[in-house]
N, C-alpha and C. Protein backbone atom coordinates (compact mmCIF):
# COMPACT_ATOMS: atom_id res chain seq x y z
N MET A 1 42.04 108.11 15.74
CA MET A 1 42.78 109.02 14.90
C MET A 1 44.27 108.64 14.97
N VAL A 2 44.91 108.73 13.81
CA VAL A 2 46.33 108.38 13.75
C VAL A 2 47.09 109.47 12.98
N TRP A 3 48.38 109.50 13.25
CA TRP A 3 49.26 110.41 12.54
C TRP A 3 50.65 109.81 12.55
N CYS A 4 51.38 110.00 11.47
CA CYS A 4 52.79 109.63 11.46
C CYS A 4 53.53 110.62 10.57
N GLU A 5 54.83 110.59 10.64
CA GLU A 5 55.64 111.52 9.85
C GLU A 5 55.33 111.35 8.37
N GLY A 6 55.17 112.45 7.68
CA GLY A 6 54.86 112.43 6.26
C GLY A 6 53.38 112.67 5.98
N MET A 7 52.51 112.56 7.01
CA MET A 7 51.08 112.81 6.82
C MET A 7 50.81 114.30 7.00
N GLU A 8 49.83 114.82 6.25
CA GLU A 8 49.49 116.24 6.35
C GLU A 8 48.83 116.57 7.68
N GLY A 9 48.06 115.65 8.18
CA GLY A 9 47.36 115.87 9.44
C GLY A 9 46.82 114.56 9.98
N TRP A 10 46.05 114.64 11.02
CA TRP A 10 45.46 113.45 11.65
C TRP A 10 44.40 112.87 10.72
N LYS A 11 44.31 111.55 10.68
CA LYS A 11 43.30 110.84 9.89
C LYS A 11 42.70 109.74 10.74
N GLN A 12 41.51 109.33 10.35
CA GLN A 12 40.93 108.16 11.01
C GLN A 12 41.72 106.95 10.57
N ALA A 13 41.93 106.02 11.46
CA ALA A 13 42.75 104.84 11.16
C ALA A 13 42.19 104.05 9.98
N THR A 14 40.88 104.06 9.81
CA THR A 14 40.27 103.32 8.69
C THR A 14 40.58 103.97 7.36
N GLU A 15 41.00 105.23 7.33
CA GLU A 15 41.30 105.93 6.09
C GLU A 15 42.77 105.76 5.67
N VAL A 16 43.61 105.23 6.54
CA VAL A 16 45.02 105.03 6.22
C VAL A 16 45.16 103.66 5.56
N GLU A 17 45.64 103.66 4.32
CA GLU A 17 45.71 102.43 3.53
C GLU A 17 46.49 101.32 4.24
N GLU A 18 47.59 101.67 4.88
CA GLU A 18 48.42 100.66 5.53
C GLU A 18 47.70 100.01 6.72
N LEU A 19 46.74 100.70 7.30
CA LEU A 19 46.02 100.17 8.47
C LEU A 19 44.64 99.60 8.13
N SER A 20 44.17 99.80 6.91
CA SER A 20 42.81 99.41 6.56
C SER A 20 42.55 97.92 6.74
N GLU A 21 43.59 97.09 6.55
CA GLU A 21 43.44 95.64 6.74
C GLU A 21 43.01 95.30 8.17
N LEU A 22 43.43 96.10 9.12
CA LEU A 22 43.12 95.83 10.53
C LEU A 22 41.64 96.00 10.85
N PHE A 23 40.91 96.74 10.02
CA PHE A 23 39.52 97.07 10.34
C PHE A 23 38.51 96.34 9.45
N LYS A 24 38.96 95.36 8.69
CA LYS A 24 38.05 94.64 7.78
C LYS A 24 37.17 93.65 8.52
N GLY A 25 37.70 92.96 9.49
CA GLY A 25 36.93 91.94 10.21
C GLY A 25 36.25 92.50 11.43
N VAL A 26 35.37 91.68 12.00
CA VAL A 26 34.69 92.04 13.24
C VAL A 26 35.41 91.35 14.38
N PRO A 27 35.79 92.07 15.42
CA PRO A 27 36.52 91.43 16.52
C PRO A 27 35.63 90.46 17.29
N PRO A 28 36.23 89.43 17.88
CA PRO A 28 35.43 88.48 18.67
C PRO A 28 34.93 89.14 19.94
N VAL A 29 33.93 88.51 20.52
CA VAL A 29 33.36 89.01 21.77
C VAL A 29 34.41 88.89 22.86
N PHE A 30 34.54 89.93 23.67
CA PHE A 30 35.53 89.95 24.75
C PHE A 30 34.93 89.34 26.01
N PHE A 31 35.57 88.32 26.52
CA PHE A 31 35.16 87.72 27.78
C PHE A 31 36.24 88.01 28.81
N ALA A 32 35.85 88.56 29.92
CA ALA A 32 36.82 88.90 30.96
C ALA A 32 37.32 87.63 31.62
N THR A 33 38.61 87.60 31.89
CA THR A 33 39.20 86.49 32.63
C THR A 33 39.66 87.03 33.97
N SER A 34 40.08 86.15 34.83
CA SER A 34 40.51 86.61 36.15
C SER A 34 41.71 87.54 36.05
N SER A 35 42.61 87.31 35.07
CA SER A 35 43.79 88.17 34.95
C SER A 35 43.39 89.56 34.44
N THR A 36 42.41 89.66 33.52
CA THR A 36 42.01 90.98 33.03
C THR A 36 41.19 91.71 34.08
N GLN A 37 40.44 90.96 34.88
CA GLN A 37 39.65 91.61 35.92
C GLN A 37 40.55 92.23 36.98
N GLU A 38 41.65 91.57 37.28
CA GLU A 38 42.57 92.12 38.27
C GLU A 38 43.30 93.33 37.71
N ALA A 39 43.64 93.29 36.41
CA ALA A 39 44.41 94.37 35.80
C ALA A 39 43.55 95.61 35.56
N THR A 40 42.26 95.41 35.32
CA THR A 40 41.37 96.52 35.02
C THR A 40 40.50 96.83 36.22
N PRO A 41 40.67 97.99 36.83
CA PRO A 41 39.83 98.31 37.97
C PRO A 41 38.40 98.58 37.52
N PRO A 42 37.42 98.27 38.33
CA PRO A 42 36.03 98.51 37.95
C PRO A 42 35.73 100.00 37.89
N LEU A 43 34.78 100.33 37.03
CA LEU A 43 34.35 101.73 36.93
C LEU A 43 33.59 102.11 38.19
N PRO A 44 33.77 103.32 38.66
CA PRO A 44 33.01 103.74 39.84
C PRO A 44 31.52 103.88 39.49
N ILE A 45 30.70 103.32 40.32
CA ILE A 45 29.26 103.39 40.12
C ILE A 45 28.67 104.18 41.27
N SER A 46 27.97 105.22 40.92
CA SER A 46 27.36 106.02 41.99
C SER A 46 26.04 105.38 42.38
N LYS A 47 25.91 105.09 43.63
CA LYS A 47 24.68 104.47 44.14
C LYS A 47 23.92 105.53 44.92
N THR A 48 23.01 106.17 44.22
CA THR A 48 22.21 107.20 44.87
C THR A 48 20.90 106.58 45.31
N LYS A 49 20.53 106.85 46.53
CA LYS A 49 19.27 106.36 47.05
C LYS A 49 18.21 107.44 46.89
N GLU A 50 17.00 106.97 46.64
CA GLU A 50 15.90 107.92 46.60
C GLU A 50 15.63 108.38 48.02
N PRO A 51 15.32 109.64 48.18
CA PRO A 51 15.02 110.11 49.53
C PRO A 51 13.77 109.42 50.06
N GLU A 52 13.84 109.02 51.30
CA GLU A 52 12.69 108.35 51.90
C GLU A 52 11.61 109.38 52.21
N ILE A 53 10.38 109.00 51.87
CA ILE A 53 9.25 109.89 52.11
C ILE A 53 8.55 109.43 53.38
N PRO A 54 8.35 110.31 54.32
CA PRO A 54 7.61 109.92 55.53
C PRO A 54 6.22 109.43 55.17
N LYS A 55 5.71 108.45 55.92
CA LYS A 55 4.41 107.84 55.63
C LYS A 55 3.29 108.86 55.53
N ASP A 56 3.32 109.88 56.36
CA ASP A 56 2.23 110.86 56.33
C ASP A 56 2.35 111.81 55.13
N GLU A 57 3.46 111.77 54.40
CA GLU A 57 3.64 112.63 53.24
C GLU A 57 3.75 111.83 51.94
N GLU A 58 3.25 110.59 51.92
CA GLU A 58 3.32 109.78 50.72
C GLU A 58 2.51 110.42 49.61
N PRO A 59 2.95 110.24 48.36
CA PRO A 59 2.19 110.78 47.24
C PRO A 59 0.78 110.19 47.18
N PHE A 60 -0.13 110.93 46.59
CA PHE A 60 -1.54 110.56 46.53
C PHE A 60 -1.73 109.18 45.91
N ILE A 61 -1.05 108.92 44.79
CA ILE A 61 -1.24 107.66 44.08
C ILE A 61 -0.79 106.49 44.94
N ARG A 62 0.34 106.60 45.60
CA ARG A 62 0.82 105.51 46.44
C ARG A 62 -0.11 105.31 47.63
N LYS A 63 -0.63 106.39 48.16
CA LYS A 63 -1.48 106.31 49.34
C LYS A 63 -2.82 105.66 49.02
N HIS A 64 -3.35 105.94 47.81
CA HIS A 64 -4.68 105.45 47.43
C HIS A 64 -4.62 104.46 46.28
N ARG A 65 -3.56 103.68 46.20
CA ARG A 65 -3.33 102.77 45.08
C ARG A 65 -4.46 101.77 44.91
N ASN A 66 -4.92 101.14 45.97
CA ASN A 66 -5.97 100.12 45.86
C ASN A 66 -7.27 100.72 45.34
N VAL A 67 -7.61 101.89 45.82
CA VAL A 67 -8.84 102.55 45.37
C VAL A 67 -8.73 102.88 43.88
N ILE A 68 -7.59 103.37 43.46
CA ILE A 68 -7.38 103.72 42.05
C ILE A 68 -7.47 102.47 41.18
N ILE A 69 -6.91 101.36 41.63
CA ILE A 69 -6.97 100.11 40.86
C ILE A 69 -8.41 99.64 40.72
N ILE A 70 -9.17 99.67 41.80
CA ILE A 70 -10.57 99.23 41.76
C ILE A 70 -11.39 100.12 40.83
N ILE A 71 -11.22 101.42 40.92
CA ILE A 71 -11.97 102.33 40.05
C ILE A 71 -11.58 102.11 38.59
N SER A 72 -10.30 101.89 38.32
CA SER A 72 -9.85 101.64 36.95
C SER A 72 -10.46 100.36 36.40
N LEU A 73 -10.48 99.30 37.21
CA LEU A 73 -11.07 98.04 36.77
C LEU A 73 -12.57 98.19 36.50
N LEU A 74 -13.25 98.91 37.37
CA LEU A 74 -14.68 99.13 37.15
C LEU A 74 -14.93 99.93 35.87
N LEU A 75 -14.10 100.90 35.61
CA LEU A 75 -14.22 101.69 34.39
C LEU A 75 -13.99 100.83 33.15
N ILE A 76 -12.99 99.98 33.19
CA ILE A 76 -12.71 99.09 32.06
C ILE A 76 -13.86 98.12 31.82
N ILE A 77 -14.39 97.54 32.90
CA ILE A 77 -15.52 96.62 32.78
C ILE A 77 -16.73 97.33 32.20
N THR A 78 -16.98 98.56 32.64
CA THR A 78 -18.12 99.33 32.13
C THR A 78 -17.96 99.61 30.65
N ILE A 79 -16.78 99.98 30.22
CA ILE A 79 -16.54 100.26 28.80
C ILE A 79 -16.76 99.00 27.96
N ILE A 80 -16.26 97.87 28.44
CA ILE A 80 -16.44 96.60 27.72
C ILE A 80 -17.92 96.27 27.61
N GLU A 81 -18.65 96.45 28.70
CA GLU A 81 -20.07 96.14 28.71
C GLU A 81 -20.83 97.04 27.72
N VAL A 82 -20.50 98.31 27.67
CA VAL A 82 -21.16 99.23 26.74
C VAL A 82 -20.88 98.81 25.30
N VAL A 83 -19.65 98.45 25.00
CA VAL A 83 -19.31 98.04 23.63
C VAL A 83 -20.06 96.77 23.26
N VAL A 84 -20.09 95.79 24.15
CA VAL A 84 -20.78 94.53 23.87
C VAL A 84 -22.28 94.78 23.69
N ASN A 85 -22.89 95.59 24.54
CA ASN A 85 -24.31 95.89 24.42
C ASN A 85 -24.62 96.62 23.12
N ASN A 86 -23.75 97.55 22.71
CA ASN A 86 -23.97 98.25 21.45
C ASN A 86 -23.90 97.29 20.27
N ASN A 87 -22.97 96.35 20.31
CA ASN A 87 -22.86 95.36 19.24
C ASN A 87 -24.10 94.47 19.20
N GLN A 88 -24.57 94.07 20.35
CA GLN A 88 -25.77 93.22 20.40
C GLN A 88 -26.98 94.00 19.90
N ALA A 89 -27.08 95.27 20.27
CA ALA A 89 -28.21 96.08 19.82
C ALA A 89 -28.15 96.28 18.31
N ALA A 90 -26.97 96.47 17.76
CA ALA A 90 -26.83 96.64 16.31
C ALA A 90 -27.19 95.35 15.59
N LYS A 91 -26.81 94.21 16.12
CA LYS A 91 -27.17 92.93 15.52
C LYS A 91 -28.68 92.71 15.58
N GLN A 92 -29.29 93.09 16.71
CA GLN A 92 -30.73 92.92 16.87
C GLN A 92 -31.49 93.78 15.86
N GLU A 93 -31.05 95.03 15.68
CA GLU A 93 -31.68 95.93 14.71
C GLU A 93 -31.55 95.38 13.29
N LYS A 94 -30.40 94.83 12.98
CA LYS A 94 -30.16 94.27 11.67
C LYS A 94 -31.07 93.09 11.40
N LEU A 95 -31.27 92.24 12.43
CA LEU A 95 -32.17 91.10 12.30
C LEU A 95 -33.61 91.55 12.13
N GLU A 96 -34.00 92.59 12.82
CA GLU A 96 -35.38 93.10 12.74
C GLU A 96 -35.66 93.70 11.39
N LYS A 97 -34.65 94.33 10.76
CA LYS A 97 -34.85 94.92 9.44
C LYS A 97 -35.01 93.86 8.38
N ASN A 98 -34.38 92.71 8.56
CA ASN A 98 -34.47 91.64 7.56
C ASN A 98 -35.73 90.90 7.80
């Protein structure tokens, strides 16, 4: 937003005719140099750690991860087998009808 004497109120810089030339192009990518890095302090980053969970209080999924993976794989294999068998049975029926 900009304002100068003679303006009724604040305007966006892109709406001021005298400044519109400044906003026509796309600025180049900014690459930090050693001088800009020294002049600009880094933003504070909060490093929050997740609270550690005692081993005896681990969540169910983490505690039984291997069992859950095995059951999931068996379920997927069973579903694939059922689909394949149904397709084979449908093909067999089609052949028998012809």
